[in-house]
């Protein structure tokens, strides 16, 4: 997932957060993202210079349910490996 954006529960300024999230998904903001070597979340924005379009990339499937179920153990293992 590139450049995630979210509105946090109980945010001090939820309306401002929603507007910012909407802006971050706009064509203008996503072109800025792509201009800085990160693939856009939008399919109508060209990939960063020198990188293939996401439609040309082979992805490894992620088992989100497994990650959710085993999150603590996975984070502990990650910590062991990368500390």
N, C-alpha and C. Protein backbone atom coordinates (compact mmCIF):
# COMPACT_ATOMS: atom_id res chain seq x y z
N UNK A 1 0.86 -1.16 0.00
CA UNK A 1 0.00 0.00 0.00
C UNK A 1 0.91 1.22 0.00
N UNK A 2 0.72 2.07 -0.94
CA UNK A 2 1.55 3.28 -0.97
C UNK A 2 0.78 4.48 -0.47
N UNK A 3 1.46 5.28 0.30
CA UNK A 3 0.92 6.54 0.81
C UNK A 3 -0.47 6.40 1.43
N UNK A 4 -0.61 5.58 2.46
CA UNK A 4 -1.93 5.45 3.09
C UNK A 4 -2.37 6.75 3.76
N UNK A 5 -3.66 6.95 3.81
CA UNK A 5 -4.24 8.12 4.46
C UNK A 5 -5.50 7.65 5.18
N UNK A 6 -5.74 8.22 6.36
CA UNK A 6 -6.91 7.80 7.13
C UNK A 6 -7.35 8.93 8.05
N UNK A 7 -8.60 8.86 8.47
CA UNK A 7 -9.13 9.78 9.47
C UNK A 7 -9.17 9.00 10.78
N UNK A 8 -8.43 9.47 11.75
CA UNK A 8 -8.32 8.79 13.04
C UNK A 8 -9.59 8.99 13.86
N UNK A 9 -10.04 7.90 14.48
CA UNK A 9 -11.20 7.98 15.37
C UNK A 9 -10.90 9.00 16.47
N UNK A 10 -11.88 9.82 16.80
CA UNK A 10 -11.77 10.87 17.82
C UNK A 10 -10.75 11.95 17.47
N UNK A 11 -10.53 12.18 16.18
CA UNK A 11 -9.61 13.24 15.75
C UNK A 11 -10.11 14.59 16.25
N UNK A 12 -9.18 15.48 16.59
CA UNK A 12 -9.55 16.81 17.08
C UNK A 12 -10.37 17.58 16.04
N UNK A 13 -9.97 17.44 14.78
CA UNK A 13 -10.63 18.16 13.69
C UNK A 13 -11.03 17.19 12.59
N UNK A 14 -12.08 16.39 12.82
CA UNK A 14 -12.42 15.34 11.85
C UNK A 14 -12.80 15.88 10.47
N UNK A 15 -13.44 17.02 10.42
CA UNK A 15 -13.80 17.57 9.10
C UNK A 15 -12.57 17.97 8.32
N UNK A 16 -11.60 18.57 8.99
CA UNK A 16 -10.34 18.93 8.33
C UNK A 16 -9.61 17.66 7.88
N UNK A 17 -9.64 16.63 8.72
CA UNK A 17 -8.99 15.36 8.38
C UNK A 17 -9.65 14.74 7.15
N UNK A 18 -10.97 14.79 7.07
CA UNK A 18 -11.69 14.24 5.91
C UNK A 18 -11.33 15.01 4.65
N UNK A 19 -11.25 16.33 4.76
CA UNK A 19 -10.87 17.15 3.60
C UNK A 19 -9.45 16.83 3.15
N UNK A 20 -8.55 16.65 4.12
CA UNK A 20 -7.16 16.31 3.78
C UNK A 20 -7.11 14.94 3.10
N UNK A 21 -7.85 13.97 3.61
CA UNK A 21 -7.88 12.65 3.01
C UNK A 21 -8.41 12.73 1.58
N UNK A 22 -9.46 13.50 1.37
CA UNK A 22 -10.00 13.68 0.02
C UNK A 22 -8.97 14.32 -0.90
N UNK A 23 -8.26 15.33 -0.38
CA UNK A 23 -7.21 15.97 -1.19
C UNK A 23 -6.12 14.97 -1.55
N UNK A 24 -5.70 14.15 -0.59
CA UNK A 24 -4.61 13.20 -0.83
C UNK A 24 -4.97 12.18 -1.91
N UNK A 25 -6.25 11.96 -2.14
CA UNK A 25 -6.68 11.05 -3.20
C UNK A 25 -6.98 11.76 -4.52
N UNK A 26 -6.85 13.08 -4.51
CA UNK A 26 -7.15 13.86 -5.72
C UNK A 26 -6.07 13.66 -6.78
N UNK A 27 -6.41 14.02 -8.00
CA UNK A 27 -5.47 13.91 -9.12
C UNK A 27 -4.22 14.76 -8.85
N UNK A 28 -4.42 15.96 -8.34
CA UNK A 28 -3.29 16.87 -8.07
C UNK A 28 -2.31 16.23 -7.08
N UNK A 29 -2.83 15.76 -5.95
CA UNK A 29 -1.95 15.19 -4.92
C UNK A 29 -1.29 13.90 -5.40
N UNK A 30 -2.03 13.07 -6.11
CA UNK A 30 -1.47 11.80 -6.57
C UNK A 30 -0.41 12.00 -7.65
N UNK A 31 -0.49 13.08 -8.41
CA UNK A 31 0.58 13.40 -9.36
C UNK A 31 1.84 13.81 -8.60
N UNK A 32 1.67 14.49 -7.48
CA UNK A 32 2.82 14.85 -6.63
C UNK A 32 3.45 13.58 -6.07
N UNK A 33 2.63 12.65 -5.62
CA UNK A 33 3.12 11.37 -5.10
C UNK A 33 3.95 10.66 -6.18
N UNK A 34 3.39 10.55 -7.38
CA UNK A 34 4.08 9.85 -8.47
C UNK A 34 5.36 10.58 -8.88
N UNK A 35 5.37 11.90 -8.79
CA UNK A 35 6.57 12.68 -9.14
C UNK A 35 7.69 12.45 -8.13
N UNK A 36 7.35 11.87 -6.99
CA UNK A 36 8.36 11.61 -5.95
C UNK A 36 8.64 10.11 -5.81
N UNK A 37 8.55 9.40 -6.92
CA UNK A 37 8.96 7.99 -7.04
C UNK A 37 8.11 7.01 -6.26
N UNK A 38 6.85 7.35 -6.00
CA UNK A 38 5.94 6.43 -5.33
C UNK A 38 4.74 6.22 -6.26
N UNK A 39 4.35 4.98 -6.43
CA UNK A 39 3.18 4.71 -7.28
C UNK A 39 1.93 5.34 -6.67
N UNK A 40 1.12 5.89 -7.53
CA UNK A 40 -0.15 6.48 -7.12
C UNK A 40 -1.16 5.40 -6.77
N UNK A 41 -2.09 5.74 -5.91
CA UNK A 41 -3.21 4.85 -5.60
C UNK A 41 -4.24 4.85 -6.71
N UNK A 42 -4.13 5.80 -7.61
CA UNK A 42 -5.09 5.95 -8.69
C UNK A 42 -4.57 5.34 -9.98
N UNK A 43 -5.44 4.63 -10.68
CA UNK A 43 -5.03 3.99 -11.93
C UNK A 43 -4.91 4.99 -13.08
N UNK A 44 -5.47 6.19 -12.93
CA UNK A 44 -5.40 7.17 -14.00
C UNK A 44 -4.15 8.06 -13.91
N UNK A 45 -3.26 7.76 -12.97
CA UNK A 45 -2.02 8.52 -12.83
C UNK A 45 -0.87 7.65 -13.31
N UNK A 46 -0.03 8.20 -14.16
CA UNK A 46 1.11 7.45 -14.71
C UNK A 46 2.06 7.05 -13.59
N UNK A 47 2.76 5.93 -13.76
CA UNK A 47 3.71 5.50 -12.74
C UNK A 47 4.89 6.47 -12.66
N UNK A 48 5.65 6.39 -11.58
CA UNK A 48 6.84 7.24 -11.47
C UNK A 48 7.79 6.98 -12.63
N UNK A 49 8.56 7.98 -12.99
CA UNK A 49 9.50 7.87 -14.11
C UNK A 49 10.41 6.66 -13.93
N UNK A 50 10.52 5.86 -14.98
CA UNK A 50 11.41 4.71 -14.97
C UNK A 50 10.86 3.48 -14.28
N UNK A 51 9.62 3.54 -13.80
CA UNK A 51 9.03 2.39 -13.12
C UNK A 51 7.86 1.86 -13.94
N UNK A 52 7.61 0.55 -13.86
CA UNK A 52 6.51 -0.01 -14.64
C UNK A 52 5.16 0.36 -14.04
N UNK A 53 4.14 0.30 -14.87
CA UNK A 53 2.78 0.50 -14.37
C UNK A 53 2.44 -0.67 -13.46
N UNK A 54 1.59 -0.42 -12.47
CA UNK A 54 1.23 -1.49 -11.54
C UNK A 54 0.58 -2.67 -12.26
N UNK A 55 -0.07 -2.41 -13.38
CA UNK A 55 -0.70 -3.50 -14.14
C UNK A 55 0.34 -4.45 -14.73
N UNK A 56 1.61 -4.03 -14.78
CA UNK A 56 2.68 -4.85 -15.33
C UNK A 56 3.47 -5.59 -14.23
N UNK A 57 3.16 -5.33 -12.98
CA UNK A 57 3.91 -5.90 -11.86
C UNK A 57 3.21 -7.14 -11.33
N UNK A 58 3.98 -8.20 -11.09
CA UNK A 58 3.43 -9.42 -10.50
C UNK A 58 3.45 -9.25 -8.98
N UNK A 59 2.30 -9.39 -8.35
CA UNK A 59 2.19 -9.21 -6.91
C UNK A 59 2.09 -10.56 -6.21
N UNK A 60 2.62 -10.61 -5.00
CA UNK A 60 2.49 -11.80 -4.16
C UNK A 60 1.24 -11.59 -3.32
N UNK A 61 0.32 -12.54 -3.33
CA UNK A 61 -0.90 -12.37 -2.54
C UNK A 61 -0.58 -12.31 -1.04
N UNK A 62 -1.34 -11.52 -0.33
CA UNK A 62 -1.16 -11.36 1.11
C UNK A 62 -2.40 -11.89 1.80
N UNK A 63 -2.20 -12.75 2.78
CA UNK A 63 -3.31 -13.32 3.55
C UNK A 63 -3.58 -12.40 4.74
N UNK A 64 -4.43 -11.42 4.52
CA UNK A 64 -4.74 -10.42 5.54
C UNK A 64 -5.38 -11.06 6.78
N UNK A 65 -6.20 -12.07 6.59
CA UNK A 65 -6.82 -12.76 7.72
C UNK A 65 -5.76 -13.42 8.61
N UNK A 66 -4.76 -14.06 7.97
CA UNK A 66 -3.68 -14.68 8.73
C UNK A 66 -2.89 -13.63 9.51
N UNK A 67 -2.59 -12.53 8.88
CA UNK A 67 -1.85 -11.45 9.54
C UNK A 67 -2.64 -10.92 10.72
N UNK A 68 -3.93 -10.73 10.53
CA UNK A 68 -4.78 -10.23 11.62
C UNK A 68 -4.80 -11.23 12.79
N UNK A 69 -4.94 -12.49 12.47
CA UNK A 69 -5.02 -13.54 13.50
C UNK A 69 -3.70 -13.73 14.24
N UNK A 70 -2.59 -13.59 13.54
CA UNK A 70 -1.27 -13.90 14.11
C UNK A 70 -0.38 -12.67 14.25
N UNK A 71 -0.99 -11.50 14.33
CA UNK A 71 -0.24 -10.24 14.35
C UNK A 71 0.82 -10.15 15.43
N UNK A 72 0.48 -10.53 16.65
CA UNK A 72 1.46 -10.44 17.77
C UNK A 72 2.70 -11.29 17.50
N UNK A 73 2.48 -12.52 17.09
CA UNK A 73 3.60 -13.42 16.82
C UNK A 73 4.44 -12.92 15.65
N UNK A 74 3.78 -12.43 14.61
CA UNK A 74 4.51 -11.92 13.44
C UNK A 74 5.35 -10.70 13.82
N UNK A 75 4.79 -9.80 14.63
CA UNK A 75 5.54 -8.61 15.05
C UNK A 75 6.72 -9.00 15.93
N UNK A 76 6.52 -10.00 16.80
CA UNK A 76 7.62 -10.46 17.66
C UNK A 76 8.74 -11.06 16.81
N UNK A 77 8.38 -11.87 15.83
CA UNK A 77 9.37 -12.48 14.93
C UNK A 77 10.10 -11.39 14.14
N UNK A 78 9.37 -10.42 13.64
CA UNK A 78 9.97 -9.30 12.92
C UNK A 78 10.99 -8.60 13.81
N UNK A 79 10.61 -8.35 15.08
CA UNK A 79 11.52 -7.71 16.03
C UNK A 79 12.78 -8.52 16.26
N UNK A 80 12.64 -9.83 16.35
CA UNK A 80 13.80 -10.71 16.55
C UNK A 80 14.76 -10.62 15.36
N UNK A 81 14.20 -10.61 14.18
CA UNK A 81 15.01 -10.61 12.96
C UNK A 81 15.70 -9.28 12.74
N UNK A 82 14.99 -8.17 12.96
CA UNK A 82 15.51 -6.86 12.55
C UNK A 82 16.03 -5.98 13.68
N UNK A 83 16.19 -6.53 14.88
CA UNK A 83 16.76 -5.70 15.94
C UNK A 83 18.25 -5.81 15.98
